[in-house]
Protein backbone atom coordinates (compact mmCIF):
# COMPACT_ATOMS: atom_id res chain seq x y z
CA UNK A 1 -55.72 23.81 39.26
CA UNK A 2 -52.16 23.41 40.62
CA UNK A 3 -50.33 20.84 42.58
CA UNK A 4 -48.81 22.15 45.70
CA UNK A 5 -45.88 20.67 47.67
CA UNK A 6 -47.78 18.40 50.02
CA UNK A 7 -49.95 17.00 47.16
CA UNK A 8 -46.80 16.48 45.09
CA UNK A 9 -45.10 14.59 48.02
CA UNK A 10 -48.16 12.53 48.50
CA UNK A 11 -48.23 11.34 44.81
CA UNK A 12 -44.43 10.71 44.64
CA UNK A 13 -44.74 8.57 47.80
CA UNK A 14 -47.70 6.59 46.48
CA UNK A 15 -46.06 6.04 42.99
CA UNK A 16 -42.52 5.25 44.23
CA UNK A 17 -43.67 3.19 47.26
CA UNK A 18 -42.11 5.49 49.65
CA UNK A 19 -43.10 7.10 52.98
CA UNK A 20 -44.17 10.68 52.71
CA UNK A 21 -41.12 11.56 54.91
CA UNK A 22 -38.79 9.87 52.39
CA UNK A 23 -40.61 11.67 49.43
CA UNK A 24 -40.27 14.89 51.26
CA UNK A 25 -36.55 14.37 51.81
CA UNK A 26 -36.12 13.52 48.07
CA UNK A 27 -37.89 16.76 47.11
CA UNK A 28 -35.75 18.75 49.51
CA UNK A 29 -32.62 17.26 48.20
CA UNK A 30 -33.69 17.98 44.54
CA UNK A 31 -34.29 21.65 45.60
CA UNK A 32 -30.89 21.87 47.17
CA UNK A 33 -29.11 20.43 44.27
CA UNK A 34 -30.91 22.78 41.96
CA UNK A 35 -30.12 25.86 43.96
CA UNK A 36 -26.35 24.99 44.50
CA UNK A 37 -25.99 24.00 40.74
CA UNK A 38 -27.64 27.10 39.41
CA UNK A 39 -25.82 29.32 42.06
CA UNK A 40 -22.57 27.88 40.67
CA UNK A 41 -23.59 28.59 37.11
CA UNK A 42 -24.09 24.98 36.21
CA UNK A 43 -27.10 23.92 34.00
CA UNK A 44 -29.25 21.00 35.26
CA UNK A 45 -30.63 18.63 32.61
CA UNK A 46 -33.12 15.95 33.29
CA UNK A 47 -33.50 14.22 29.96
CA UNK A 48 -36.91 14.20 28.63
CA UNK A 49 -38.29 16.28 31.38
CA UNK A 50 -36.57 19.71 31.48
CA UNK A 51 -33.39 21.69 31.51
CA UNK A 52 -32.77 24.66 33.77
CA UNK A 53 -29.92 27.18 33.46
CA UNK A 54 -28.84 30.44 34.88
CA UNK A 55 -28.95 33.23 32.39
CA UNK A 56 -27.14 36.58 32.41
CA UNK A 57 -29.37 39.71 32.20
CA UNK A 58 -27.57 42.89 30.88
CA UNK A 59 -27.95 46.26 32.75
CA UNK A 60 -30.76 48.16 31.28
CA UNK A 61 -32.90 51.35 31.63
CA UNK A 62 -36.30 51.12 33.29
CA UNK A 63 -38.91 53.53 34.47
CA UNK A 64 -40.28 54.04 37.96
CA UNK A 65 -44.13 53.46 37.41
CA UNK A 66 -45.01 55.88 40.24
CA UNK A 67 -42.83 58.85 39.20
CA UNK A 68 -42.00 58.06 35.49
CA UNK A 69 -38.35 58.74 36.28
CA UNK A 70 -35.85 56.77 34.24
CA UNK A 71 -33.66 54.52 36.33
CA UNK A 72 -30.76 52.19 35.74
CA UNK A 73 -31.57 48.45 36.52
CA UNK A 74 -28.14 46.67 37.23
CA UNK A 75 -27.02 43.51 35.47
CA UNK A 76 -28.06 40.30 37.08
CA UNK A 77 -29.09 36.69 36.65
CA UNK A 78 -32.34 34.89 35.85
CA UNK A 79 -33.39 31.35 35.50
CA UNK A 80 -34.46 29.68 32.27
CA UNK A 81 -36.42 26.53 32.26
CA UNK A 82 -36.98 24.59 29.01
CA UNK A 83 -39.50 21.70 28.77
CA UNK A 84 -38.09 18.34 27.64
CA UNK A 85 -39.63 16.14 24.97
CA UNK A 86 -41.62 14.11 27.41
CA UNK A 87 -43.14 17.10 29.13
CA UNK A 88 -43.96 18.81 25.86
CA UNK A 89 -45.70 15.55 24.56
CA UNK A 90 -47.73 15.34 27.78
CA UNK A 91 -49.25 18.81 27.58
CA UNK A 92 -50.12 18.54 23.91
CA UNK A 93 -52.53 15.60 24.36
């Protein structure tokens, strides 16, 4: 089971005593801040919950699964998410 955006907004609105519109605006703002920060190479840390950072991936060789031909995969970036202590504790119960 997973929680989609609409369900998440409804739960946040209920717990924080907000309207769904305000909760949606807060989620959208969080998304924008995360994207802008990670694009700029800044890590985002929410103590106890998670930390998110941009990681560099080195260029490497790969293989085309259809032809078996070896190809060069260029260097790029990825995202690393680490669970914080509160999140780790919540999933071990």
